[in-house]
Amino acid sequence: MEGIIISFIVAILMGSLVIFVRLKGQNKPVSTKKILLPPVFMSTGALMFVVPYFRVTPAEVLEAFVVGMFFSIFLIKTSRFEVRDGNVYLKRSKAFPFILIGLLLIRLLMKVVLSSSIQIGQLSGMFFLLAFGMILPWRVAMYIQYRRLMQELDEGVRA
């Protein structure tokens, strides 16, 4: 039970940090690096699976990743870019903080329900995969949208 409480606190802190960083980031121009580096940095967390305590079955990998991909739809739908002063910025979405909070609450509820039937280490591995399954498609979609916008800007400059 103590592990679940600690993971709740960490999840709430991380969720708050993501909301804060995202809202602050809307004031700075976007770049390819800023879009693609977060999933690269997060991927290093997969080293947790070297430790047997965190290993998951192939079915659990698929399940967690697919749920994460489903959750990413909400992030993709609320992430849009705009051009200001010749730079590309992430467009402010009033729904985004609420979606992040909602996803966080759903994840916490899932953790409570699943913690009674899945070991905490294995559950941690599954939630890492869920988070990675959420961030990877979201960032890929953002990158595709960003590249299209940059091409349009380049074509506008040439015309």
N, C-alpha and C. Protein backbone atom coordinates (compact mmCIF):
# COMPACT_ATOMS: atom_id res chain seq x y z
N MET A 1 0.83 -1.20 0.00
CA MET A 1 0.00 0.00 0.00
C MET A 1 0.87 1.26 0.00
N GLU A 2 1.99 1.19 0.72
CA GLU A 2 2.89 2.34 0.79
C GLU A 2 3.43 2.70 -0.59
N GLY A 3 3.72 1.67 -1.40
CA GLY A 3 4.21 1.89 -2.77
C GLY A 3 3.20 2.62 -3.63
N ILE A 4 1.94 2.28 -3.45
CA ILE A 4 0.87 2.92 -4.23
C ILE A 4 0.75 4.38 -3.85
N ILE A 5 0.83 4.68 -2.56
CA ILE A 5 0.75 6.08 -2.10
C ILE A 5 1.90 6.89 -2.66
N ILE A 6 3.10 6.34 -2.59
CA ILE A 6 4.28 7.03 -3.13
C ILE A 6 4.12 7.25 -4.63
N SER A 7 3.63 6.23 -5.35
CA SER A 7 3.46 6.38 -6.80
C SER A 7 2.38 7.41 -7.11
N PHE A 8 1.35 7.53 -6.28
CA PHE A 8 0.33 8.57 -6.44
C PHE A 8 0.96 9.95 -6.34
N ILE A 9 1.75 10.13 -5.31
CA ILE A 9 2.39 11.43 -5.09
C ILE A 9 3.31 11.77 -6.26
N VAL A 10 4.11 10.80 -6.68
CA VAL A 10 5.02 11.02 -7.82
C VAL A 10 4.23 11.33 -9.08
N ALA A 11 3.14 10.60 -9.33
CA ALA A 11 2.32 10.83 -10.52
C ALA A 11 1.71 12.23 -10.50
N ILE A 12 1.22 12.66 -9.36
CA ILE A 12 0.63 13.99 -9.25
C ILE A 12 1.69 15.07 -9.47
N LEU A 13 2.87 14.89 -8.88
CA LEU A 13 3.96 15.84 -9.08
C LEU A 13 4.39 15.89 -10.54
N MET A 14 4.55 14.72 -11.16
CA MET A 14 4.96 14.67 -12.57
C MET A 14 3.89 15.29 -13.47
N GLY A 15 2.63 14.99 -13.21
CA GLY A 15 1.54 15.57 -13.99
C GLY A 15 1.52 17.09 -13.88
N SER A 16 1.72 17.58 -12.67
CA SER A 16 1.76 19.03 -12.45
C SER A 16 2.95 19.65 -13.19
N LEU A 17 4.07 18.97 -13.15
CA LEU A 17 5.26 19.46 -13.85
C LEU A 17 5.03 19.52 -15.35
N VAL A 18 4.40 18.49 -15.92
CA VAL A 18 4.12 18.46 -17.35
C VAL A 18 3.20 19.62 -17.74
N ILE A 19 2.17 19.86 -16.95
CA ILE A 19 1.25 20.96 -17.24
C ILE A 19 1.99 22.29 -17.17
N PHE A 20 2.80 22.47 -16.15
CA PHE A 20 3.56 23.71 -15.98
C PHE A 20 4.52 23.92 -17.15
N VAL A 21 5.28 22.89 -17.50
CA VAL A 21 6.25 22.99 -18.59
C VAL A 21 5.54 23.27 -19.91
N ARG A 22 4.42 22.58 -20.13
CA ARG A 22 3.68 22.76 -21.38
C ARG A 22 3.14 24.18 -21.50
N LEU A 23 2.58 24.71 -20.42
CA LEU A 23 2.04 26.07 -20.47
C LEU A 23 3.14 27.10 -20.64
N LYS A 24 4.28 26.87 -20.01
CA LYS A 24 5.41 27.78 -20.15
C LYS A 24 6.02 27.68 -21.54
N GLY A 25 6.03 26.47 -22.09
CA GLY A 25 6.62 26.23 -23.40
C GLY A 25 5.87 26.90 -24.53
N GLN A 26 4.64 27.27 -24.29
CA GLN A 26 3.85 27.92 -25.33
C GLN A 26 4.33 29.34 -25.60
N ASN A 27 5.21 29.85 -24.75
CA ASN A 27 5.73 31.19 -24.94
C ASN A 27 7.04 31.20 -25.71
N LYS A 28 7.55 30.02 -26.07
CA LYS A 28 8.82 29.90 -26.79
C LYS A 28 8.59 29.20 -28.12
N PRO A 29 9.36 29.60 -29.15
CA PRO A 29 9.21 28.93 -30.46
C PRO A 29 9.52 27.43 -30.36
N VAL A 30 8.85 26.66 -31.20
CA VAL A 30 9.03 25.21 -31.25
C VAL A 30 10.15 24.88 -32.23
N SER A 31 10.85 23.79 -31.98
CA SER A 31 11.87 23.31 -32.91
C SER A 31 11.76 21.80 -33.01
N THR A 32 12.41 21.25 -34.00
CA THR A 32 12.42 19.79 -34.17
C THR A 32 12.95 19.12 -32.91
N LYS A 33 14.02 19.66 -32.36
CA LYS A 33 14.61 19.07 -31.15
C LYS A 33 13.62 19.07 -29.99
N LYS A 34 12.93 20.19 -29.79
CA LYS A 34 11.98 20.28 -28.67
C LYS A 34 10.82 19.31 -28.82
N ILE A 35 10.52 18.93 -30.04
CA ILE A 35 9.43 17.98 -30.27
C ILE A 35 9.92 16.54 -30.09
N LEU A 36 11.08 16.21 -30.67
CA LEU A 36 11.52 14.82 -30.73
C LEU A 36 12.36 14.34 -29.55
N LEU A 37 13.01 15.23 -28.84
CA LEU A 37 13.89 14.78 -27.76
C LEU A 37 13.17 14.18 -26.54
N PRO A 38 12.00 14.68 -26.13
CA PRO A 38 11.35 14.06 -24.95
C PRO A 38 11.14 12.54 -25.06
N PRO A 39 10.63 12.01 -26.19
CA PRO A 39 10.50 10.55 -26.23
C PRO A 39 11.86 9.83 -26.24
N VAL A 40 12.87 10.48 -26.82
CA VAL A 40 14.21 9.87 -26.81
C VAL A 40 14.72 9.80 -25.38
N PHE A 41 14.58 10.89 -24.64
CA PHE A 41 15.02 10.89 -23.24
C PHE A 41 14.21 9.89 -22.41
N MET A 42 12.92 9.83 -22.67
CA MET A 42 12.07 8.92 -21.91
C MET A 42 12.42 7.46 -22.21
N SER A 43 12.86 7.19 -23.43
CA SER A 43 13.15 5.81 -23.82
C SER A 43 14.25 5.18 -22.97
N THR A 44 15.09 6.01 -22.37
CA THR A 44 16.14 5.45 -21.51
C THR A 44 15.54 4.75 -20.29
N GLY A 45 14.32 5.11 -19.95
CA GLY A 45 13.62 4.46 -18.84
C GLY A 45 13.35 2.99 -19.09
N ALA A 46 13.44 2.58 -20.36
CA ALA A 46 13.22 1.16 -20.68
C ALA A 46 14.31 0.28 -20.07
N LEU A 47 15.38 0.89 -19.62
CA LEU A 47 16.42 0.12 -18.92
C LEU A 47 15.88 -0.52 -17.65
N MET A 48 14.74 -0.05 -17.19
CA MET A 48 14.13 -0.66 -15.99
C MET A 48 13.84 -2.13 -16.22
N PHE A 49 13.62 -2.50 -17.48
CA PHE A 49 13.25 -3.89 -17.78
C PHE A 49 14.44 -4.85 -17.69
N VAL A 50 15.63 -4.31 -17.49
CA VAL A 50 16.81 -5.15 -17.24
C VAL A 50 16.64 -5.85 -15.89
N VAL A 51 15.98 -5.17 -14.97
CA VAL A 51 15.75 -5.71 -13.63
C VAL A 51 14.50 -6.59 -13.68
N PRO A 52 14.60 -7.87 -13.31
CA PRO A 52 13.45 -8.79 -13.39
C PRO A 52 12.19 -8.29 -12.67
N TYR A 53 12.34 -7.51 -11.62
CA TYR A 53 11.21 -7.01 -10.84
C TYR A 53 10.22 -6.23 -11.71
N PHE A 54 10.71 -5.58 -12.76
CA PHE A 54 9.87 -4.71 -13.59
C PHE A 54 9.41 -5.37 -14.89
N ARG A 55 9.83 -6.59 -15.15
CA ARG A 55 9.51 -7.22 -16.44
C ARG A 55 8.03 -7.52 -16.57
N VAL A 56 7.56 -7.40 -17.81
CA VAL A 56 6.15 -7.64 -18.13
C VAL A 56 6.06 -8.67 -19.25
N THR A 57 4.92 -9.29 -19.36
CA THR A 57 4.71 -10.28 -20.41
C THR A 57 4.47 -9.58 -21.74
N PRO A 58 4.66 -10.26 -22.85
CA PRO A 58 4.36 -9.64 -24.16
C PRO A 58 2.92 -9.13 -24.26
N ALA A 59 1.97 -9.85 -23.69
CA ALA A 59 0.58 -9.40 -23.72
C ALA A 59 0.41 -8.09 -22.93
N GLU A 60 1.09 -7.97 -21.81
CA GLU A 60 1.02 -6.74 -21.00
C GLU A 60 1.70 -5.58 -21.72
N VAL A 61 2.78 -5.86 -22.44
CA VAL A 61 3.45 -4.83 -23.24
C VAL A 61 2.47 -4.28 -24.27
N LEU A 62 1.84 -5.17 -25.00
CA LEU A 62 0.89 -4.77 -26.03
C LEU A 62 -0.29 -4.01 -25.43
N GLU A 63 -0.84 -4.54 -24.37
CA GLU A 63 -1.99 -3.90 -23.71
C GLU A 63 -1.65 -2.48 -23.24
N ALA A 64 -0.54 -2.33 -22.54
CA ALA A 64 -0.15 -1.02 -22.01
C ALA A 64 0.14 -0.03 -23.14
N PHE A 65 0.84 -0.49 -24.17
CA PHE A 65 1.20 0.41 -25.27
C PHE A 65 -0.04 0.85 -26.05
N VAL A 66 -0.97 -0.07 -26.26
CA VAL A 66 -2.20 0.26 -26.99
C VAL A 66 -3.06 1.25 -26.18
N VAL A 67 -3.15 1.06 -24.88
CA VAL A 67 -3.90 2.00 -24.04
C VAL A 67 -3.23 3.39 -24.11
N GLY A 68 -1.90 3.41 -24.06
CA GLY A 68 -1.17 4.67 -24.18
C GLY A 68 -1.44 5.35 -25.52
N MET A 69 -1.46 4.56 -26.59
CA MET A 69 -1.74 5.12 -27.92
C MET A 69 -3.16 5.69 -27.97
N PHE A 70 -4.10 5.01 -27.33
CA PHE A 70 -5.47 5.53 -27.27
C PHE A 70 -5.49 6.87 -26.54
N PHE A 71 -4.82 6.95 -25.40
CA PHE A 71 -4.77 8.20 -24.64
C PHE A 71 -4.10 9.31 -25.46
N SER A 72 -3.14 8.96 -26.31
CA SER A 72 -2.43 9.97 -27.08
C SER A 72 -3.35 10.72 -28.04
N ILE A 73 -4.46 10.10 -28.41
CA ILE A 73 -5.41 10.75 -29.33
C ILE A 73 -5.86 12.09 -28.75
N PHE A 74 -6.12 12.12 -27.46
CA PHE A 74 -6.58 13.35 -26.82
C PHE A 74 -5.50 14.43 -26.83
N LEU A 75 -4.26 14.02 -26.66
CA LEU A 75 -3.15 14.97 -26.71
C LEU A 75 -2.93 15.48 -28.13
N ILE A 76 -3.03 14.58 -29.09
CA ILE A 76 -2.84 14.96 -30.50
C ILE A 76 -3.91 15.96 -30.92
N LYS A 77 -5.14 15.71 -30.51
CA LYS A 77 -6.26 16.59 -30.89
C LYS A 77 -6.13 18.00 -30.31
N THR A 78 -5.42 18.15 -29.20
CA THR A 78 -5.32 19.47 -28.56
C THR A 78 -3.98 20.14 -28.81
N SER A 79 -3.13 19.55 -29.64
CA SER A 79 -1.82 20.14 -29.93
C SER A 79 -1.82 20.69 -31.35
N ARG A 80 -1.84 21.99 -31.46
CA ARG A 80 -1.81 22.67 -32.75
C ARG A 80 -0.74 23.75 -32.71
N PHE A 81 -0.25 24.10 -33.89
CA PHE A 81 0.78 25.13 -33.99
C PHE A 81 0.22 26.37 -34.65
N GLU A 82 0.89 27.48 -34.39
CA GLU A 82 0.56 28.74 -35.05
C GLU A 82 1.86 29.48 -35.35
N VAL A 83 1.81 30.34 -36.34
CA VAL A 83 2.97 31.14 -36.72
C VAL A 83 2.78 32.54 -36.16
N ARG A 84 3.79 32.97 -35.39
CA ARG A 84 3.80 34.33 -34.85
C ARG A 84 5.19 34.92 -35.07
N ASP A 85 5.24 36.08 -35.64
CA ASP A 85 6.51 36.78 -35.88
C ASP A 85 7.52 35.91 -36.63
N GLY A 86 7.03 35.11 -37.56
CA GLY A 86 7.92 34.27 -38.36
C GLY A 86 8.40 33.01 -37.66
N ASN A 87 7.94 32.77 -36.44
CA ASN A 87 8.32 31.56 -35.69
C ASN A 87 7.08 30.69 -35.46
N VAL A 88 7.33 29.41 -35.22
CA VAL A 88 6.25 28.46 -34.97
C VAL A 88 6.12 28.26 -33.46
N TYR A 89 4.90 28.43 -32.96
CA TYR A 89 4.61 28.26 -31.54
C TYR A 89 3.51 27.22 -31.37
N LEU A 90 3.52 26.58 -30.22
CA LEU A 90 2.42 25.69 -29.87
C LEU A 90 1.24 26.56 -29.48
N LYS A 91 0.12 26.30 -30.10
CA LYS A 91 -1.08 27.10 -29.86
C LYS A 91 -1.68 26.75 -28.50
N ARG A 92 -2.05 27.76 -27.77
CA ARG A 92 -2.64 27.56 -26.45
C ARG A 92 -4.00 26.87 -26.58
N SER A 93 -4.18 25.80 -25.81
CA SER A 93 -5.46 25.09 -25.81
C SER A 93 -5.99 25.09 -24.38
N LYS A 94 -7.18 25.62 -24.22
CA LYS A 94 -7.79 25.67 -22.88
C LYS A 94 -8.10 24.26 -22.38
N ALA A 95 -8.34 23.34 -23.30
CA ALA A 95 -8.70 21.97 -22.92
C ALA A 95 -7.49 21.14 -22.47
N PHE A 96 -6.29 21.51 -22.93
CA PHE A 96 -5.12 20.67 -22.69
C PHE A 96 -4.86 20.38 -21.20
N PRO A 97 -4.82 21.38 -20.32
CA PRO A 97 -4.58 21.06 -18.90
C PRO A 97 -5.65 20.12 -18.32
N PHE A 98 -6.90 20.30 -18.74
CA PHE A 98 -7.98 19.44 -18.24
C PHE A 98 -7.83 18.01 -18.77
N ILE A 99 -7.40 17.89 -20.02
CA ILE A 99 -7.17 16.56 -20.59
C ILE A 99 -6.02 15.87 -19.86
N LEU A 100 -4.95 16.61 -19.59
CA LEU A 100 -3.82 16.01 -18.86
C LEU A 100 -4.24 15.58 -17.46
N ILE A 101 -5.00 16.42 -16.79
CA ILE A 101 -5.48 16.07 -15.44
C ILE A 101 -6.40 14.87 -15.51
N GLY A 102 -7.29 14.84 -16.50
CA GLY A 102 -8.19 13.71 -16.68
C GLY A 102 -7.43 12.41 -16.94
N LEU A 103 -6.43 12.47 -17.82
CA LEU A 103 -5.62 11.29 -18.10
C LEU A 103 -4.86 10.83 -16.86
N LEU A 104 -4.37 11.79 -16.09
CA LEU A 104 -3.66 11.46 -14.86
C LEU A 104 -4.60 10.76 -13.87
N LEU A 105 -5.80 11.28 -13.71
CA LEU A 105 -6.77 10.66 -12.80
C LEU A 105 -7.15 9.25 -13.27
N ILE A 106 -7.33 9.08 -14.56
CA ILE A 106 -7.64 7.75 -15.10
C ILE A 106 -6.49 6.79 -14.81
N ARG A 107 -5.26 7.25 -15.03
CA ARG A 107 -4.09 6.40 -14.75
C ARG A 107 -4.01 6.04 -13.27
N LEU A 108 -4.28 7.01 -12.40
CA LEU A 108 -4.24 6.72 -10.97
C LEU A 108 -5.33 5.72 -10.57
N LEU A 109 -6.51 5.88 -11.14
CA LEU A 109 -7.60 4.94 -10.87
C LEU A 109 -7.23 3.54 -11.37
N MET A 110 -6.66 3.48 -12.56
CA MET A 110 -6.23 2.18 -13.10
C MET A 110 -5.18 1.55 -12.19
N LYS A 111 -4.28 2.37 -11.67
CA LYS A 111 -3.23 1.85 -10.80
C LYS A 111 -3.83 1.25 -9.53
N VAL A 112 -4.83 1.92 -8.95
CA VAL A 112 -5.48 1.41 -7.74
C VAL A 112 -6.16 0.08 -8.03
N VAL A 113 -6.90 0.02 -9.12
CA VAL A 113 -7.63 -1.19 -9.48
C VAL A 113 -6.67 -2.33 -9.79
N LEU A 114 -5.65 -2.05 -10.59
CA LEU A 114 -4.74 -3.11 -11.03
C LEU A 114 -3.73 -3.53 -9.96
N SER A 115 -3.47 -2.68 -8.98
CA SER A 115 -2.45 -3.00 -7.96
C SER A 115 -2.85 -4.19 -7.09
N SER A 116 -4.13 -4.51 -7.07
CA SER A 116 -4.55 -5.65 -6.26
C SER A 116 -4.30 -6.98 -6.97
N SER A 117 -4.11 -6.93 -8.30
CA SER A 117 -3.91 -8.18 -9.03
C SER A 117 -2.57 -8.28 -9.75
N ILE A 118 -1.82 -7.19 -9.82
CA ILE A 118 -0.52 -7.17 -10.50
C ILE A 118 0.53 -6.64 -9.54
N GLN A 119 1.69 -7.29 -9.51
CA GLN A 119 2.77 -6.85 -8.62
C GLN A 119 3.19 -5.42 -8.97
N ILE A 120 3.63 -4.68 -7.97
CA ILE A 120 3.94 -3.26 -8.13
C ILE A 120 5.05 -3.02 -9.16
N GLY A 121 6.07 -3.86 -9.20
CA GLY A 121 7.14 -3.70 -10.18
C GLY A 121 6.65 -3.90 -11.60
N GLN A 122 5.88 -4.95 -11.77
CA GLN A 122 5.29 -5.25 -13.07
C GLN A 122 4.33 -4.13 -13.49
N LEU A 123 3.55 -3.63 -12.55
CA LEU A 123 2.62 -2.54 -12.81
C LEU A 123 3.38 -1.26 -13.19
N SER A 124 4.50 -1.03 -12.53
CA SER A 124 5.34 0.13 -12.87
C SER A 124 5.82 0.02 -14.31
N GLY A 125 6.25 -1.17 -14.69
CA GLY A 125 6.69 -1.39 -16.07
C GLY A 125 5.56 -1.14 -17.06
N MET A 126 4.37 -1.60 -16.72
CA MET A 126 3.23 -1.39 -17.61
C MET A 126 2.88 0.09 -17.74
N PHE A 127 2.96 0.83 -16.64
CA PHE A 127 2.64 2.25 -16.71
C PHE A 127 3.72 3.06 -17.40
N PHE A 128 4.95 2.59 -17.34
CA PHE A 128 6.00 3.22 -18.15
C PHE A 128 5.66 3.03 -19.63
N LEU A 129 5.28 1.82 -20.01
CA LEU A 129 4.93 1.54 -21.41
C LEU A 129 3.69 2.32 -21.84
N LEU A 130 2.72 2.46 -20.93
CA LEU A 130 1.54 3.25 -21.22
C LEU A 130 1.94 4.70 -21.50
N ALA A 131 2.78 5.26 -20.64
CA ALA A 131 3.22 6.65 -20.82
C ALA A 131 4.02 6.81 -22.12
N PHE A 132 4.88 5.83 -22.40
CA PHE A 132 5.68 5.91 -23.62
C PHE A 132 4.78 5.74 -24.85
N GLY A 133 3.78 4.86 -24.74
CA GLY A 133 2.82 4.68 -25.82
C GLY A 133 1.96 5.92 -26.04
N MET A 134 1.89 6.77 -25.04
CA MET A 134 1.13 8.01 -25.14
C MET A 134 2.01 9.11 -25.75
N ILE A 135 3.24 9.24 -25.29
CA ILE A 135 4.09 10.34 -25.73
C ILE A 135 4.64 10.13 -27.14
N LEU A 136 4.95 8.89 -27.51
CA LEU A 136 5.56 8.65 -28.82
C LEU A 136 4.63 9.04 -29.98
N PRO A 137 3.40 8.53 -30.06
CA PRO A 137 2.53 8.94 -31.18
C PRO A 137 2.20 10.43 -31.14
N TRP A 138 2.06 10.98 -29.94
CA TRP A 138 1.76 12.40 -29.81
C TRP A 138 2.88 13.24 -30.41
N ARG A 139 4.11 12.91 -30.05
CA ARG A 139 5.25 13.67 -30.56
C ARG A 139 5.49 13.44 -32.05
N VAL A 140 5.24 12.24 -32.54
CA VAL A 140 5.36 11.98 -33.97
C VAL A 140 4.32 12.80 -34.73
N ALA A 141 3.09 12.84 -34.23
CA ALA A 141 2.04 13.64 -34.86
C ALA A 141 2.41 15.13 -34.83
N MET A 142 2.96 15.59 -33.71
CA MET A 142 3.38 16.98 -33.61
C MET A 142 4.49 17.27 -34.63
N TYR A 143 5.43 16.35 -34.77
CA TYR A 143 6.54 16.54 -35.71
C TYR A 143 6.01 16.62 -37.14
N ILE A 144 5.09 15.74 -37.51
CA ILE A 144 4.52 15.75 -38.85
C ILE A 144 3.81 17.09 -39.11
N GLN A 145 3.04 17.53 -38.14
CA GLN A 145 2.33 18.80 -38.27
C GLN A 145 3.32 19.96 -38.37
N TYR A 146 4.36 19.92 -37.58
CA TYR A 146 5.40 20.96 -37.58
C TYR A 146 6.10 21.01 -38.94
N ARG A 147 6.48 19.84 -39.48
CA ARG A 147 7.18 19.78 -40.77
C ARG A 147 6.29 20.36 -41.87
N ARG A 148 5.01 20.02 -41.86
CA ARG A 148 4.09 20.56 -42.87
C ARG A 148 4.03 22.08 -42.79
N LEU A 149 3.94 22.60 -41.59
CA LEU A 149 3.87 24.04 -41.39
C LEU A 149 5.17 24.70 -41.85
N MET A 150 6.30 24.08 -41.54
CA MET A 150 7.60 24.63 -41.97
C MET A 150 7.71 24.63 -43.49
N GLN A 151 7.21 23.58 -44.14
CA GLN A 151 7.22 23.54 -45.61
C GLN A 151 6.36 24.66 -46.18
N GLU A 152 5.20 24.88 -45.60
CA GLU A 152 4.33 25.97 -46.04
C GLU A 152 5.03 27.31 -45.88
N LEU A 153 5.72 27.50 -44.77
CA LEU A 153 6.45 28.74 -44.54
C LEU A 153 7.57 28.90 -45.56
N ASP A 154 8.29 27.82 -45.84
CA ASP A 154 9.37 27.87 -46.83
C ASP A 154 8.84 28.19 -48.21
N GLU A 155 7.69 27.59 -48.58
CA GLU A 155 7.08 27.87 -49.88
C GLU A 155 6.60 29.32 -49.96
N GLY A 156 6.10 29.85 -48.85
CA GLY A 156 5.64 31.23 -48.81
C GLY A 156 6.79 32.20 -48.95
N VAL A 157 7.96 31.85 -48.42
CA VAL A 157 9.15 32.71 -48.52
C VAL A 157 9.66 32.72 -49.94
N ARG A 158 9.62 31.55 -50.61
CA ARG A 158 10.11 31.44 -51.98
C ARG A 158 9.17 32.12 -52.98
N ALA A 159 7.89 32.19 -52.66
CA ALA A 159 6.92 32.74 -53.63
C ALA A 159 6.97 34.24 -53.74
